[in-house]
PDB file of N, CA and C in Angstrom:
ATOM      1  N   MET A   1      21.992  -5.713  12.505  1.00  0.00           N
ATOM      2  CA  MET A   1      20.736  -5.101  12.173  1.00  0.00           C
ATOM      3  C   MET A   1      20.831  -4.473  10.745  1.00  0.00           C
ATOM      4  N   ASN A   2      19.150  -4.638  10.334  1.00  0.00           N
ATOM      5  CA  ASN A   2      19.455  -4.056   8.750  1.00  0.00           C
ATOM      6  C   ASN A   2      18.460  -2.950   9.200  1.00  0.00           C
ATOM      7  N   PRO A   3      18.834  -1.913   9.230  1.00  0.00           N
ATOM      8  CA  PRO A   3      17.385  -0.644   9.429  1.00  0.00           C
ATOM      9  C   PRO A   3      16.272  -0.587   8.424  1.00  0.00           C
ATOM     10  N   ASP A   4      15.246  -0.277   8.703  1.00  0.00           N
ATOM     11  CA  ASP A   4      13.992  -0.182   7.719  1.00  0.00           C
ATOM     12  C   ASP A   4      14.069   0.872   7.351  1.00  0.00           C
ATOM     13  N   CYS A   5      13.634   1.257   6.156  1.00  0.00           N
ATOM     14  CA  CYS A   5      13.540   2.919   5.657  1.00  0.00           C
ATOM     15  C   CYS A   5      11.832   3.011   5.325  1.00  0.00           C
ATOM     16  N   PRO A   6      10.991   2.786   6.011  1.00  0.00           N
ATOM     17  CA  PRO A   6       9.151   2.973   5.840  1.00  0.00           C
ATOM     18  C   PRO A   6       9.216   4.401   5.244  1.00  0.00           C
ATOM     19  N   ILE A   7       8.717   4.503   3.974  1.00  0.00           N
ATOM     20  CA  ILE A   7       8.001   5.661   3.506  1.00  0.00           C
ATOM     21  C   ILE A   7       6.747   6.125   3.579  1.00  0.00           C
ATOM     22  N   ARG A   8       6.303   7.150   4.228  1.00  0.00           N
ATOM     23  CA  ARG A   8       4.778   7.403   4.386  1.00  0.00           C
ATOM     24  C   ARG A   8       4.503   8.537   3.539  1.00  0.00           C
ATOM     25  N   LEU A   9       3.734   8.841   2.276  1.00  0.00           N
ATOM     26  CA  LEU A   9       3.611  10.010   1.860  1.00  0.00           C
ATOM     27  C   LEU A   9       2.586  11.016   2.337  1.00  0.00           C
ATOM     28  N   ILE A  10       2.655  11.635   3.016  1.00  0.00           N
ATOM     29  CA  ILE A  10       1.399  12.570   3.767  1.00  0.00           C
ATOM     30  C   ILE A  10       1.268  13.796   2.553  1.00  0.00           C
ATOM     31  N   PHE A  11       0.097  13.851   2.149  1.00  0.00           N
ATOM     32  CA  PHE A  11      -0.446  14.649   1.154  1.00  0.00           C
ATOM     33  C   PHE A  11      -1.022  15.963   1.849  1.00  0.00           C
ATOM     34  N   SER A  12      -1.587  16.120   2.897  1.00  0.00           N
ATOM     35  CA  SER A  12      -2.275  17.229   3.772  1.00  0.00           C
ATOM     36  C   SER A  12      -3.527  16.263   4.996  1.00  0.00           C
ATOM     37  N   GLY A  13      -3.291  17.266   5.750  1.00  0.00           N
ATOM     38  CA  GLY A  13      -3.811  16.361   6.617  1.00  0.00           C
ATOM     39  C   GLY A  13      -3.470  15.007   7.273  1.00  0.00           C
ATOM     40  N   ASP A  14      -5.210  13.944   7.054  1.00  0.00           N
ATOM     41  CA  ASP A  14      -5.064  12.872   7.662  1.00  0.00           C
ATOM     42  C   ASP A  14      -4.757  12.112   6.201  1.00  0.00           C
ATOM     43  N   LEU A  15      -4.544  12.811   4.829  1.00  0.00           N
ATOM     44  CA  LEU A  15      -4.644  11.868   3.604  1.00  0.00           C
ATOM     45  C   LEU A  15      -3.004  11.502   3.359  1.00  0.00           C
ATOM     46  N   SER A  16      -2.740  10.285   3.414  1.00  0.00           N
ATOM     47  CA  SER A  16      -1.430   9.492   3.425  1.00  0.00           C
ATOM     48  C   SER A  16      -1.550   8.450   2.591  1.00  0.00           C
ATOM     49  N   PHE A  17      -0.145   7.777   2.548  1.00  0.00           N
ATOM     50  CA  PHE A  17      -0.228   6.683   1.631  1.00  0.00           C
ATOM     51  C   PHE A  17       1.424   6.273   2.141  1.00  0.00           C
ATOM     52  N   GLY A  18       1.098   4.910   2.649  1.00  0.00           N
ATOM     53  CA  GLY A  18       2.336   4.196   3.090  1.00  0.00           C
ATOM     54  C   GLY A  18       2.154   2.715   3.109  1.00  0.00           C
ATOM     55  N   PRO A  19       2.888   2.140   3.913  1.00  0.00           N
ATOM     56  CA  PRO A  19       3.298   0.538   3.856  1.00  0.00           C
ATOM     57  C   PRO A  19       2.194  -0.278   3.675  1.00  0.00           C
ATOM     58  N   GLY A  20       1.484   0.303   4.676  1.00  0.00           N
ATOM     59  CA  GLY A  20       0.154  -0.218   5.061  1.00  0.00           C
ATOM     60  C   GLY A  20      -0.740  -0.725   3.462  1.00  0.00           C
ATOM     61  N   LYS A  21      -1.055   0.689   3.012  1.00  0.00           N
ATOM     62  CA  LYS A  21      -1.822   0.603   2.109  1.00  0.00           C
ATOM     63  C   LYS A  21      -1.371   0.327   0.589  1.00  0.00           C
ATOM     64  N   ALA A  22      -0.024   0.514   0.809  1.00  0.00           N
ATOM     65  CA  ALA A  22       0.591  -0.271  -0.496  1.00  0.00           C
ATOM     66  C   ALA A  22       0.492  -1.868  -0.052  1.00  0.00           C
ATOM     67  N   GLU A  23       0.868  -2.327   1.099  1.00  0.00           N
ATOM     68  CA  GLU A  23       0.629  -3.730   0.953  1.00  0.00           C
ATOM     69  C   GLU A  23      -0.654  -4.266   0.524  1.00  0.00           C
ATOM     70  N   LEU A  24      -1.749  -3.812   1.063  1.00  0.00           N
ATOM     71  CA  LEU A  24      -3.116  -3.780   0.744  1.00  0.00           C
ATOM     72  C   LEU A  24      -3.275  -3.980  -0.705  1.00  0.00           C
ATOM     73  N   LEU A  25      -2.935  -2.926  -1.601  1.00  0.00           N
ATOM     74  CA  LEU A  25      -2.912  -2.857  -3.027  1.00  0.00           C
ATOM     75  C   LEU A  25      -2.314  -4.224  -3.375  1.00  0.00           C
ATOM     76  N   GLU A  26      -1.108  -4.098  -2.777  1.00  0.00           N
ATOM     77  CA  GLU A  26      -0.121  -5.599  -3.404  1.00  0.00           C
ATOM     78  C   GLU A  26      -0.879  -7.065  -3.268  1.00  0.00           C
ATOM     79  N   LYS A  27      -1.727  -6.966  -2.142  1.00  0.00           N
ATOM     80  CA  LYS A  27      -2.455  -7.926  -1.811  1.00  0.00           C
ATOM     81  C   LYS A  27      -3.677  -8.530  -2.612  1.00  0.00           C
ATOM     82  N   ILE A  28      -4.292  -7.388  -2.969  1.00  0.00           N
ATOM     83  CA  ILE A  28      -5.582  -7.499  -3.772  1.00  0.00           C
ATOM     84  C   ILE A  28      -5.092  -7.798  -5.171  1.00  0.00           C
ATOM     85  N   THR A  29      -3.953  -7.254  -5.708  1.00  0.00           N
ATOM     86  CA  THR A  29      -3.257  -7.590  -7.132  1.00  0.00           C
ATOM     87  C   THR A  29      -3.249  -8.972  -7.305  1.00  0.00           C
ATOM     88  N   GLU A  30      -2.593  -9.790  -5.977  1.00  0.00           N
ATOM     89  CA  GLU A  30      -1.928 -10.849  -5.860  1.00  0.00           C
ATOM     90  C   GLU A  30      -3.326 -11.907  -6.027  1.00  0.00           C
ATOM     91  N   LEU A  31      -4.172 -11.648  -4.857  1.00  0.00           N
ATOM     92  CA  LEU A  31      -5.030 -12.575  -4.471  1.00  0.00           C
ATOM     93  C   LEU A  31      -6.375 -12.305  -5.127  1.00  0.00           C
ATOM     94  N   GLY A  32      -6.847 -11.224  -5.939  1.00  0.00           N
ATOM     95  CA  GLY A  32      -8.229 -11.052  -6.172  1.00  0.00           C
ATOM     96  C   GLY A  32      -9.292 -10.623  -5.742  1.00  0.00           C
ATOM     97  N   SER A  33      -8.890 -10.382  -4.023  1.00  0.00           N
ATOM     98  CA  SER A  33     -10.156 -10.317  -3.534  1.00  0.00           C
ATOM     99  C   SER A  33      -9.957  -9.601  -2.048  1.00  0.00           C
ATOM    100  N   LEU A  34     -10.657  -8.523  -1.740  1.00  0.00           N
ATOM    101  CA  LEU A  34     -10.392  -7.721  -0.754  1.00  0.00           C
ATOM    102  C   LEU A  34     -10.313  -8.541   0.647  1.00  0.00           C
ATOM    103  N   ASN A  35     -11.472  -9.507   0.703  1.00  0.00           N
ATOM    104  CA  ASN A  35     -11.301 -10.082   1.874  1.00  0.00           C
ATOM    105  C   ASN A  35     -10.229 -11.048   2.071  1.00  0.00           C
ATOM    106  N   ALA A  36      -9.596 -11.866   0.946  1.00  0.00           N
ATOM    107  CA  ALA A  36      -8.370 -12.500   0.953  1.00  0.00           C
ATOM    108  C   ALA A  36      -7.267 -11.763   1.286  1.00  0.00           C
ATOM    109  N   ALA A  37      -7.187 -10.529   0.842  1.00  0.00           N
ATOM    110  CA  ALA A  37      -6.225  -9.564   1.045  1.00  0.00           C
ATOM    111  C   ALA A  37      -6.208  -9.279   2.524  1.00  0.00           C
ATOM    112  N   ALA A  38      -7.326  -8.798   3.035  1.00  0.00           N
ATOM    113  CA  ALA A  38      -7.030  -8.422   4.584  1.00  0.00           C
ATOM    114  C   ALA A  38      -6.922  -9.675   5.139  1.00  0.00           C
ATOM    115  N   SER A  39      -7.160 -10.819   5.245  1.00  0.00           N
ATOM    116  CA  SER A  39      -7.385 -12.132   5.950  1.00  0.00           C
ATOM    117  C   SER A  39      -5.297 -12.385   5.918  1.00  0.00           C
ATOM    118  N   SER A  40      -4.997 -12.094   5.103  1.00  0.00           N
ATOM    119  CA  SER A  40      -3.278 -12.240   4.686  1.00  0.00           C
ATOM    120  C   SER A  40      -2.461 -11.388   5.367  1.00  0.00           C
ATOM    121  N   MET A  41      -3.425 -10.180   5.890  1.00  0.00           N
ATOM    122  CA  MET A  41      -2.388  -9.161   6.663  1.00  0.00           C
ATOM    123  C   MET A  41      -2.978  -8.994   7.994  1.00  0.00           C
ATOM    124  N   ASP A  42      -3.657  -9.936   8.487  1.00  0.00           N
ATOM    125  CA  ASP A  42      -4.290 -10.479   9.553  1.00  0.00           C
ATOM    126  C   ASP A  42      -5.445  -8.892   9.927  1.00  0.00           C
ATOM    127  N   MET A  43      -5.867  -8.517   9.125  1.00  0.00           N
ATOM    128  CA  MET A  43      -6.636  -7.158   8.952  1.00  0.00           C
ATOM    129  C   MET A  43      -8.326  -7.476   8.872  1.00  0.00           C
ATOM    130  N   SER A  44      -8.889  -6.597   9.884  1.00  0.00           N
ATOM    131  CA  SER A  44     -10.625  -7.041   9.034  1.00  0.00           C
ATOM    132  C   SER A  44     -10.833  -6.788   8.094  1.00  0.00           C
ATOM    133  N   TYR A  45     -11.918  -7.731   7.401  1.00  0.00           N
ATOM    134  CA  TYR A  45     -12.378  -6.941   6.339  1.00  0.00           C
ATOM    135  C   TYR A  45     -13.015  -5.515   6.386  1.00  0.00           C
ATOM    136  N   MET A  46     -13.710  -5.024   7.501  1.00  0.00           N
ATOM    137  CA  MET A  46     -14.161  -3.698   7.746  1.00  0.00           C
ATOM    138  C   MET A  46     -12.768  -2.615   7.311  1.00  0.00           C
ATOM    139  N   LYS A  47     -12.044  -3.084   8.205  1.00  0.00           N
ATOM    140  CA  LYS A  47     -10.729  -1.944   7.938  1.00  0.00           C
ATOM    141  C   LYS A  47     -10.290  -1.857   6.735  1.00  0.00           C
ATOM    142  N   ALA A  48      -9.891  -2.970   6.269  1.00  0.00           N
ATOM    143  CA  ALA A  48      -9.692  -3.189   4.325  1.00  0.00           C
ATOM    144  C   ALA A  48     -10.337  -2.036   3.721  1.00  0.00           C
ATOM    145  N   TRP A  49     -11.738  -2.459   3.839  1.00  0.00           N
ATOM    146  CA  TRP A  49     -13.157  -1.549   3.334  1.00  0.00           C
ATOM    147  C   TRP A  49     -12.711  -0.433   3.548  1.00  0.00           C
ATOM    148  N   LYS A  50     -12.704   0.241   4.702  1.00  0.00           N
ATOM    149  CA  LYS A  50     -12.619   1.580   5.042  1.00  0.00           C
ATOM    150  C   LYS A  50     -11.311   2.094   4.206  1.00  0.00           C
ATOM    151  N   MET A  51     -10.157   1.342   4.267  1.00  0.00           N
ATOM    152  CA  MET A  51      -8.836   2.029   3.776  1.00  0.00           C
ATOM    153  C   MET A  51      -9.179   2.065   2.161  1.00  0.00           C
ATOM    154  N   ILE A  52      -9.973   1.030   1.517  1.00  0.00           N
ATOM    155  CA  ILE A  52      -9.741   1.316   0.444  1.00  0.00           C
ATOM    156  C   ILE A  52     -11.073   2.237  -0.124  1.00  0.00           C
ATOM    157  N   LYS A  53     -12.062   2.542   0.541  1.00  0.00           N
ATOM    158  CA  LYS A  53     -13.142   3.490   0.396  1.00  0.00           C
ATOM    159  C   LYS A  53     -12.470   5.063   0.663  1.00  0.00           C
ATOM    160  N   SER A  54     -11.588   5.195   1.400  1.00  0.00           N
ATOM    161  CA  SER A  54     -10.713   6.339   1.731  1.00  0.00           C
ATOM    162  C   SER A  54      -9.627   6.585   0.362  1.00  0.00           C
ATOM    163  N   LEU A  55      -9.058   5.472   0.044  1.00  0.00           N
ATOM    164  CA  LEU A  55      -8.196   5.529  -1.170  1.00  0.00           C
ATOM    165  C   LEU A  55      -8.989   6.210  -2.258  1.00  0.00           C
ATOM    166  N   ASN A  56     -10.118   5.400  -2.720  1.00  0.00           N
ATOM    167  CA  ASN A  56     -10.965   5.820  -3.664  1.00  0.00           C
ATOM    168  C   ASN A  56     -11.556   6.902  -3.814  1.00  0.00           C
ATOM    169  N   ALA A  57     -11.733   7.772  -2.499  1.00  0.00           N
ATOM    170  CA  ALA A  57     -12.289   8.994  -2.486  1.00  0.00           C
ATOM    171  C   ALA A  57     -11.364   9.811  -2.323  1.00  0.00           C
ATOM    172  N   THR A  58     -10.082   9.679  -2.543  1.00  0.00           N
ATOM    173  CA  THR A  58      -9.004  10.463  -1.947  1.00  0.00           C
ATOM    174  C   THR A  58      -7.963  10.710  -3.701  1.00  0.00           C
ATOM    175  N   PHE A  59      -8.368  10.044  -4.461  1.00  0.00           N
ATOM    176  CA  PHE A  59      -7.848  10.021  -5.704  1.00  0.00           C
ATOM    177  C   PHE A  59      -8.679  10.580  -6.793  1.00  0.00           C
ATOM    178  N   LYS A  60      -8.526  11.391  -7.946  1.00  0.00           N
ATOM    179  CA  LYS A  60      -9.676  11.620  -9.065  1.00  0.00           C
ATOM    180  C   LYS A  60     -10.471  10.457  -9.204  1.00  0.00           C
ATOM    181  N   GLU A  61      -9.455   9.133  -9.519  1.00  0.00           N
ATOM    182  CA  GLU A  61      -9.932   8.391 -10.156  1.00  0.00           C
ATOM    183  C   GLU A  61     -10.136   7.098  -8.795  1.00  0.00           C
ATOM    184  N   PRO A  62     -11.177   6.076  -8.793  1.00  0.00           N
ATOM    185  CA  PRO A  62     -11.164   4.946  -7.942  1.00  0.00           C
ATOM    186  C   PRO A  62      -9.435   3.833  -8.073  1.00  0.00           C
ATOM    187  N   LEU A  63      -9.098   3.696  -6.960  1.00  0.00           N
ATOM    188  CA  LEU A  63      -7.739   2.862  -6.917  1.00  0.00           C
ATOM    189  C   LEU A  63      -8.289   1.459  -7.653  1.00  0.00           C
ATOM    190  N   VAL A  64      -9.238   0.957  -6.565  1.00  0.00           N
ATOM    191  CA  VAL A  64      -9.977  -0.248  -6.696  1.00  0.00           C
ATOM    192  C   VAL A  64     -11.242  -0.502  -6.707  1.00  0.00           C
ATOM    193  N   GLU A  65     -11.124  -1.338  -7.977  1.00  0.00           N
ATOM    194  CA  GLU A  65     -12.704  -1.909  -8.471  1.00  0.00           C
ATOM    195  C   GLU A  65     -13.326  -3.053  -7.565  1.00  0.00           C
ATOM    196  N   LEU A  66     -14.238  -3.040  -6.823  1.00  0.00           N
ATOM    197  CA  LEU A  66     -14.697  -3.665  -5.798  1.00  0.00           C
ATOM    198  C   LEU A  66     -16.180  -4.481  -6.816  1.00  0.00           C
ATOM    199  N   ARG A  67     -16.226  -5.991  -6.772  1.00  0.00           N
ATOM    200  CA  ARG A  67     -17.168  -6.517  -7.409  1.00  0.00           C
ATOM    201  C   ARG A  67     -18.038  -7.395  -6.346  1.00  0.00           C
ATOM    202  N   ARG A  68     -19.262  -7.064  -5.887  1.00  0.00           N
ATOM    203  CA  ARG A  68     -20.090  -7.653  -5.030  1.00  0.00           C
ATOM    204  C   ARG A  68     -20.269  -9.029  -5.425  1.00  0.00           C
ATOM    205  N   GLY A  69     -20.633  -9.986  -4.870  1.00  0.00           N
ATOM    206  CA  GLY A  69     -21.093 -11.137  -5.430  1.00  0.00           C
ATOM    207  C   GLY A  69     -20.406 -12.416  -4.474  1.00  0.00           C
ATOM    208  N   GLY A  70     -19.898 -12.371  -3.847  1.00  0.00           N
ATOM    209  CA  GLY A  70     -19.355 -13.484  -2.194  1.00  0.00           C
ATOM    210  C   GLY A  70     -18.522 -14.524  -3.210  1.00  0.00           C
ATOM    211  N   LYS A  71     -18.356 -15.450  -2.930  1.00  0.00           N
ATOM    212  CA  LYS A  71     -17.023 -16.161  -3.191  1.00  0.00           C
ATOM    213  C   LYS A  71     -17.287 -16.741  -4.453  1.00  0.00           C
ATOM    214  N   ALA A  72     -18.585 -16.746  -5.132  1.00  0.00           N
ATOM    215  CA  ALA A  72     -18.337 -17.039  -6.734  1.00  0.00           C
ATOM    216  C   ALA A  72     -18.257 -16.148  -7.829  1.00  0.00           C
ATOM    217  N   GLN A  73     -18.926 -14.871  -7.201  1.00  0.00           N
ATOM    218  CA  GLN A  73     -18.748 -14.167  -8.452  1.00  0.00           C
ATOM    219  C   GLN A  73     -17.582 -12.575  -7.976  1.00  0.00           C
ATOM    220  N   GLY A  74     -17.558 -12.342  -6.492  1.00  0.00           N
ATOM    221  CA  GLY A  74     -17.128 -11.401  -6.127  1.00  0.00           C
ATOM    222  C   GLY A  74     -15.536 -11.047  -6.491  1.00  0.00           C
ATOM    223  N   GLY A  75     -14.797  -9.861  -5.955  1.00  0.00           N
ATOM    224  CA  GLY A  75     -13.543  -9.847  -5.917  1.00  0.00           C
ATOM    225  C   GLY A  75     -13.271  -8.604  -6.215  1.00  0.00           C
ATOM    226  N   ALA A  76     -12.014  -8.032  -6.249  1.00  0.00           N
ATOM    227  CA  ALA A  76     -11.302  -7.061  -6.361  1.00  0.00           C
ATOM    228  C   ALA A  76     -10.347  -6.976  -7.309  1.00  0.00           C
ATOM    229  N   GLN A  77     -10.056  -5.578  -7.826  1.00  0.00           N
ATOM    230  CA  GLN A  77      -8.857  -5.592  -8.642  1.00  0.00           C
ATOM    231  C   GLN A  77      -8.375  -3.854  -8.796  1.00  0.00           C
ATOM    232  N   LEU A  78      -7.025  -3.778  -8.766  1.00  0.00           N
ATOM    233  CA  LEU A  78      -6.812  -2.161  -9.111  1.00  0.00           C
ATOM    234  C   LEU A  78      -6.997  -1.789 -10.221  1.00  0.00           C
ATOM    235  N   THR A  79      -7.346  -1.187 -10.466  1.00  0.00           N
ATOM    236  CA  THR A  79      -7.745   0.023 -11.896  1.00  0.00           C
ATOM    237  C   THR A  79      -6.411   0.377 -12.543  1.00  0.00           C
ATOM    238  N   ALA A  80      -6.533   0.893 -13.342  1.00  0.00           N
ATOM    239  CA  ALA A  80      -5.383   1.712 -14.375  1.00  0.00           C
ATOM    240  C   ALA A  80      -4.462   2.421 -13.467  1.00  0.00           C
ATOM    241  N   THR A  81      -5.415   3.653 -12.547  1.00  0.00           N
ATOM    242  CA  THR A  81      -4.993   4.545 -11.547  1.00  0.00           C
ATOM    243  C   THR A  81      -4.471   3.725 -10.440  1.00  0.00           C
ATOM    244  N   GLY A  82      -4.989   2.760  -9.896  1.00  0.00           N
ATOM    245  CA  GLY A  82      -4.367   2.357  -8.779  1.00  0.00           C
ATOM    246  C   GLY A  82      -3.358   1.639  -9.082  1.00  0.00           C
ATOM    247  N   GLU A  83      -2.941   0.955 -10.304  1.00  0.00           N
ATOM    248  CA  GLU A  83      -1.583   0.374 -10.781  1.00  0.00           C
ATOM    249  C   GLU A  83      -0.293   1.231 -10.390  1.00  0.00           C
ATOM    250  N   MET A  84      -0.995   2.587 -11.334  1.00  0.00           N
ATOM    251  CA  MET A  84       0.067   3.722 -11.592  1.00  0.00           C
ATOM    252  C   MET A  84       0.346   4.131  -9.878  1.00  0.00           C
ATOM    253  N   VAL A  85      -0.574   4.155  -9.161  1.00  0.00           N
ATOM    254  CA  VAL A  85      -0.026   4.947  -7.867  1.00  0.00           C
ATOM    255  C   VAL A  85       0.616   4.030  -7.099  1.00  0.00           C
ATOM    256  N   LEU A  86       0.435   2.906  -7.014  1.00  0.00           N
ATOM    257  CA  LEU A  86       1.453   1.988  -6.354  1.00  0.00           C
ATOM    258  C   LEU A  86       2.641   1.741  -7.058  1.00  0.00           C
ATOM    259  N   SER A  87       2.492   1.784  -8.246  1.00  0.00           N
ATOM    260  CA  SER A  87       3.927   1.728  -8.991  1.00  0.00           C
ATOM    261  C   SER A  87       4.719   2.757  -8.391  1.00  0.00           C
ATOM    262  N   LEU A  88       4.084   4.034  -8.799  1.00  0.00           N
ATOM    263  CA  LEU A  88       5.177   5.201  -8.220  1.00  0.00           C
ATOM    264  C   LEU A  88       5.456   5.476  -6.597  1.00  0.00           C
ATOM    265  N   TYR A  89       4.531   4.693  -5.746  1.00  0.00           N
ATOM    266  CA  TYR A  89       5.012   4.697  -4.429  1.00  0.00           C
ATOM    267  C   TYR A  89       5.969   3.777  -4.441  1.00  0.00           C
ATOM    268  N   GLN A  90       6.047   2.568  -5.389  1.00  0.00           N
ATOM    269  CA  GLN A  90       7.060   1.512  -5.174  1.00  0.00           C
ATOM    270  C   GLN A  90       8.544   2.319  -5.337  1.00  0.00           C
ATOM    271  N   GLN A  91       8.353   3.105  -6.644  1.00  0.00           N
ATOM    272  CA  GLN A  91       9.564   3.728  -7.082  1.00  0.00           C
ATOM    273  C   GLN A  91      10.018   4.873  -6.099  1.00  0.00           C
ATOM    274  N   SER A  92       9.236   5.683  -5.617  1.00  0.00           N
ATOM    275  CA  SER A  92       9.575   6.460  -4.648  1.00  0.00           C
ATOM    276  C   SER A  92      10.205   5.649  -3.306  1.00  0.00           C
ATOM    277  N   VAL A  93       9.922   4.555  -3.120  1.00  0.00           N
ATOM    278  CA  VAL A  93      10.489   3.776  -1.784  1.00  0.00           C
ATOM    279  C   VAL A  93      12.147   3.635  -2.263  1.00  0.00           C
ATOM    280  N   ILE A  94      12.069   2.953  -3.324  1.00  0.00           N
ATOM    281  CA  ILE A  94      13.367   2.607  -4.197  1.00  0.00           C
ATOM    282  C   ILE A  94      14.498   3.706  -3.800  1.00  0.00           C
ATOM    283  N   SER A  95      13.678   4.974  -4.540  1.00  0.00           N
ATOM    284  CA  SER A  95      14.343   6.212  -4.793  1.00  0.00           C
ATOM    285  C   SER A  95      15.194   6.495  -3.240  1.00  0.00           C
ATOM    286  N   ALA A  96      14.158   6.568  -2.283  1.00  0.00           N
ATOM    287  CA  ALA A  96      14.121   7.051  -0.936  1.00  0.00           C
ATOM    288  C   ALA A  96      15.519   6.031  -0.328  1.00  0.00           C
ATOM    289  N   GLU A  97      15.492   4.688  -0.270  1.00  0.00           N
ATOM    290  CA  GLU A  97      16.351   3.785  -0.115  1.00  0.00           C
ATOM    291  C   GLU A  97      17.533   3.784  -0.413  1.00  0.00           C
ATOM    292  N   LYS A  98      17.820   4.417  -1.947  1.00  0.00           N
ATOM    293  CA  LYS A  98      19.038   4.689  -2.842  1.00  0.00           C
ATOM    294  C   LYS A  98      19.667   6.015  -1.834  1.00  0.00           C
ATOM    295  N   ALA A  99      18.807   6.799  -1.594  1.00  0.00           N
ATOM    296  CA  ALA A  99      19.251   8.244  -1.210  1.00  0.00           C
ATOM    297  C   ALA A  99      19.559   8.299   0.626  1.00  0.00           C
ATOM    298  N   VAL A 100      19.280   6.890   1.290  1.00  0.00           N
ATOM    299  CA  VAL A 100      19.695   7.373   2.690  1.00  0.00           C
ATOM    300  C   VAL A 100      20.572   5.930   3.039  1.00  0.00           C
ATOM    301  N   SER A 101      20.866   5.034   1.643  1.00  0.00           N
ATOM    302  CA  SER A 101      21.578   3.646   2.273  1.00  0.00           C
ATOM    303  C   SER A 101      23.059   4.438   2.978  1.00  0.00           C
ATOM    304  N   THR A 102      24.095   5.090   2.256  1.00  0.00           N
ATOM    305  CA  THR A 102      25.004   5.487   2.576  1.00  0.00           C
ATOM    306  C   THR A 102      24.906   6.105   4.217  1.00  0.00           C
ATOM    307  N   LYS A 103      24.265   6.591   4.353  1.00  0.00           N
ATOM    308  CA  LYS A 103      23.774   7.452   5.692  1.00  0.00           C
ATOM    309  C   LYS A 103      23.531   6.552   6.758  1.00  0.00           C
ATOM    310  N   LEU A 104      22.616   5.221   6.228  1.00  0.00           N
ATOM    311  CA  LEU A 104      22.184   4.407   7.305  1.00  0.00           C
ATOM    312  C   LEU A 104      23.622   3.035   7.620  1.00  0.00           C
ATOM    313  N   ASP A 105      24.326   3.107   6.273  1.00  0.00           N
ATOM    314  CA  ASP A 105      25.148   2.353   6.708  1.00  0.00           C
ATOM    315  C   ASP A 105      26.474   3.191   7.640  1.00  0.00           C
ATOM    316  N   GLN A 106      26.569   4.214   7.831  1.00  0.00           N
ATOM    317  CA  GLN A 106      27.352   5.117   8.463  1.00  0.00           C
ATOM    318  C   GLN A 106      26.924   4.829  10.371  1.00  0.00           C
ATOM    319  N   LEU A 107      25.657   5.156  10.094  1.00  0.00           N
ATOM    320  CA  LEU A 107      24.568   4.859  11.242  1.00  0.00           C
ATOM    321  C   LEU A 107      25.127   3.321  11.866  1.00  0.00           C
ATOM    322  N   LYS A 108      24.817   2.599  10.703  1.00  0.00           N
ATOM    323  CA  LYS A 108      25.014   1.098  11.868  1.00  0.00           C
ATOM    324  C   LYS A 108      26.599   1.082  12.210  1.00  0.00           C
ATOM    325  N   ALA A 109      27.815   1.357  11.582  1.00  0.00           N
ATOM    326  CA  ALA A 109      28.849   1.594  12.009  1.00  0.00           C
ATOM    327  C   ALA A 109      29.334   2.315  13.115  1.00  0.00           C
ATOM    328  N   LEU A 110      28.367   2.954  13.443  1.00  0.00           N
ATOM    329  CA  LEU A 110      28.701   3.840  14.863  1.00  0.00           C
ATOM    330  C   LEU A 110      27.937   3.198  16.062  1.00  0.00           C
ATOM    331  N   MET A 111      27.192   2.121  15.533  1.00  0.00           N
ATOM    332  CA  MET A 111      26.141   1.456  16.731  1.00  0.00           C
ATOM    333  C   MET A 111      26.946  -0.043  17.014  1.00  0.00           C
ATOM    334  N   SER A 112      26.972  -0.352  18.600  1.00  0.00           N
ATOM    335  CA  SER A 112      27.484  -1.356  19.110  1.00  0.00           C
ATOM    336  C   SER A 112      26.942  -2.718  18.748  1.00  0.00           C
TER     337      SER A 112
END
């Protein structure tokens, strides 16, 4: 068994950033399209769009720039702020995993 250590940053109320939003930003970077990113995650386009709309409204600057235009000219890409937020989240996850790895090993040793 290899325990997972998901990290969700909760800022206040319903404002949070966790694995799902991070993966969506990673997929947008990889695929250059919100629709393709959503599809690759088995997520509806509307749900992904709402997540991005919420993220863009939460931070001082938008995290994702969406370009309308369909298959030929449309697309999505992370802004500099989006890249920074994703990087800071990824660094937080790495730090947290390092911090708890010894304790997780001790817990695993106690399991049957």
